[in-house]
Amino acid sequence: MKQEWLMITTDLIKQISQAKQYAGSALQSAKAAEFKSAAHNMFLAQEKIQSAKLIQADLLATDNMVSNSEDILMNTLLSVHSEDHLVTASAYLDLVSEFINVYKRLMTE
């Protein structure tokens, strides 16, 4: 169970990391007034966040299957760590989206 949990949390953090990379690319595209590319990268970032949320739901479902206290502690730490990444990335995507809107307004005036 410990190995499965580790694989799931690693995949979750990977999805979140990719979402942040796409959002960063979207922001760079917006700075260069490439708004179609920015929108595409934000779409990809949102897809990764959605994937991460599904993985997180699986984590929560498997949390009840842990039996010994060592695994419970490890799983709790990994859950909190991955949850922190997810919340931070979601906020980052929101901010990037707002910055893209600001760039659009500034560059169309």
Protein backbone atom coordinates (compact mmCIF):
# COMPACT_ATOMS: atom_id res chain seq x y z
CA MET A 1 0.00 0.00 0.00
CA LYS A 2 2.84 2.39 0.82
CA GLN A 3 4.33 2.04 -2.68
CA GLU A 4 0.93 2.60 -4.33
CA TRP A 5 0.36 5.70 -2.21
CA LEU A 6 3.77 7.06 -3.12
CA MET A 7 3.11 6.51 -6.83
CA ILE A 8 -0.25 8.26 -6.63
CA THR A 9 1.10 11.29 -4.76
CA THR A 10 4.07 11.51 -7.11
CA ASP A 11 1.71 11.51 -10.09
CA LEU A 12 -0.42 14.17 -8.40
CA ILE A 13 2.55 16.46 -7.84
CA LYS A 14 3.72 15.83 -11.42
CA GLN A 15 0.33 16.89 -12.82
CA ILE A 16 0.40 20.02 -10.67
CA SER A 17 3.93 20.87 -11.75
CA GLN A 18 2.96 20.54 -15.40
CA ALA A 19 -0.04 22.80 -14.82
CA LYS A 20 2.23 25.47 -13.37
CA GLN A 21 4.61 25.13 -16.32
CA TYR A 22 1.75 25.61 -18.79
CA ALA A 23 0.52 28.62 -16.83
CA GLY A 24 4.01 30.13 -16.87
CA SER A 25 4.17 29.63 -20.64
CA ALA A 26 0.75 31.26 -20.96
CA LEU A 27 1.97 34.29 -19.04
CA GLN A 28 5.06 34.59 -21.25
CA SER A 29 2.88 34.34 -24.34
CA ALA A 30 0.61 37.08 -23.04
CA LYS A 31 3.61 39.33 -22.39
CA ALA A 32 4.52 38.86 -26.05
CA ALA A 33 0.91 39.65 -27.09
CA GLU A 34 0.44 36.05 -28.29
CA PHE A 35 -2.99 35.66 -26.75
CA LYS A 36 -4.02 32.61 -28.77
CA SER A 37 -0.99 30.75 -27.45
CA ALA A 38 -1.68 32.06 -23.95
CA ALA A 39 -5.25 30.77 -24.10
CA HIS A 40 -4.08 27.38 -25.35
CA ASN A 41 -1.52 27.04 -22.56
CA MET A 42 -4.07 28.07 -19.94
CA PHE A 43 -6.43 25.43 -21.32
CA LEU A 44 -3.69 22.81 -20.93
CA ALA A 45 -2.93 24.08 -17.42
CA GLN A 46 -6.59 23.77 -16.43
CA GLU A 47 -6.69 20.22 -17.82
CA LYS A 48 -3.71 19.28 -15.65
CA ILE A 49 -5.35 20.83 -12.57
CA GLN A 50 -8.54 18.87 -13.29
CA SER A 51 -6.48 15.70 -13.63
CA ALA A 52 -4.77 16.49 -10.33
CA LYS A 53 -8.14 16.94 -8.63
CA LEU A 54 -9.24 13.51 -9.83
CA ILE A 55 -6.03 11.96 -8.53
CA GLN A 56 -6.56 13.74 -5.21
CA ALA A 57 -10.06 12.27 -5.00
CA ASP A 58 -8.52 8.81 -5.49
CA LEU A 59 -6.05 9.56 -2.70
CA LEU A 60 -8.84 10.49 -0.34
CA ALA A 61 -10.69 7.29 -1.23
CA THR A 62 -7.65 5.08 -0.57
CA ASP A 63 -6.80 6.87 2.67
CA ASN A 64 -9.24 4.63 4.52
CA MET A 65 -7.38 1.48 3.43
CA VAL A 66 -4.24 2.27 5.45
CA SER A 67 -3.87 0.00 8.44
CA ASN A 68 -0.70 0.70 10.43
CA SER A 69 0.35 3.92 12.14
CA GLU A 70 3.60 4.31 10.17
CA ASP A 71 1.71 4.24 6.87
CA ILE A 72 -0.93 6.60 8.25
CA LEU A 73 1.74 9.16 9.17
CA MET A 74 3.51 8.84 5.81
CA ASN A 75 0.26 9.07 3.87
CA THR A 76 -0.88 12.07 5.89
CA LEU A 77 2.38 13.91 5.23
CA LEU A 78 2.21 13.14 1.52
CA SER A 79 -1.44 14.15 1.38
CA VAL A 80 -0.78 17.47 3.06
CA HIS A 81 2.22 18.11 0.85
CA SER A 82 0.35 17.35 -2.37
CA GLU A 83 -2.71 19.31 -1.20
CA ASP A 84 -0.47 22.31 -0.57
CA HIS A 85 0.88 22.04 -4.12
CA LEU A 86 -2.64 21.79 -5.55
CA VAL A 87 -3.98 24.80 -3.67
CA THR A 88 -0.93 26.90 -4.53
CA ALA A 89 -1.08 25.93 -8.21
CA SER A 90 -4.80 26.71 -8.39
CA ALA A 91 -4.18 30.17 -6.96
CA TYR A 92 -1.28 30.65 -9.38
CA LEU A 93 -3.49 29.77 -12.35
CA ASP A 94 -6.09 32.27 -11.16
CA LEU A 95 -3.46 35.00 -10.93
CA VAL A 96 -1.98 34.17 -14.33
CA SER A 97 -5.45 34.33 -15.85
CA GLU A 98 -5.95 37.78 -14.37
CA PHE A 99 -2.56 38.97 -15.63
CA ILE A 100 -3.40 37.74 -19.12
CA ASN A 101 -6.60 39.78 -19.02
CA VAL A 102 -4.63 42.84 -17.92
CA TYR A 103 -2.13 42.36 -20.75
CA LYS A 104 -5.01 42.06 -23.24
CA ARG A 105 -6.55 45.31 -22.03
CA LEU A 106 -3.26 47.18 -22.00
CA MET A 107 -2.25 46.02 -25.46
CA THR A 108 -5.61 46.71 -27.09
CA GLU A 109 -5.89 50.29 -25.83
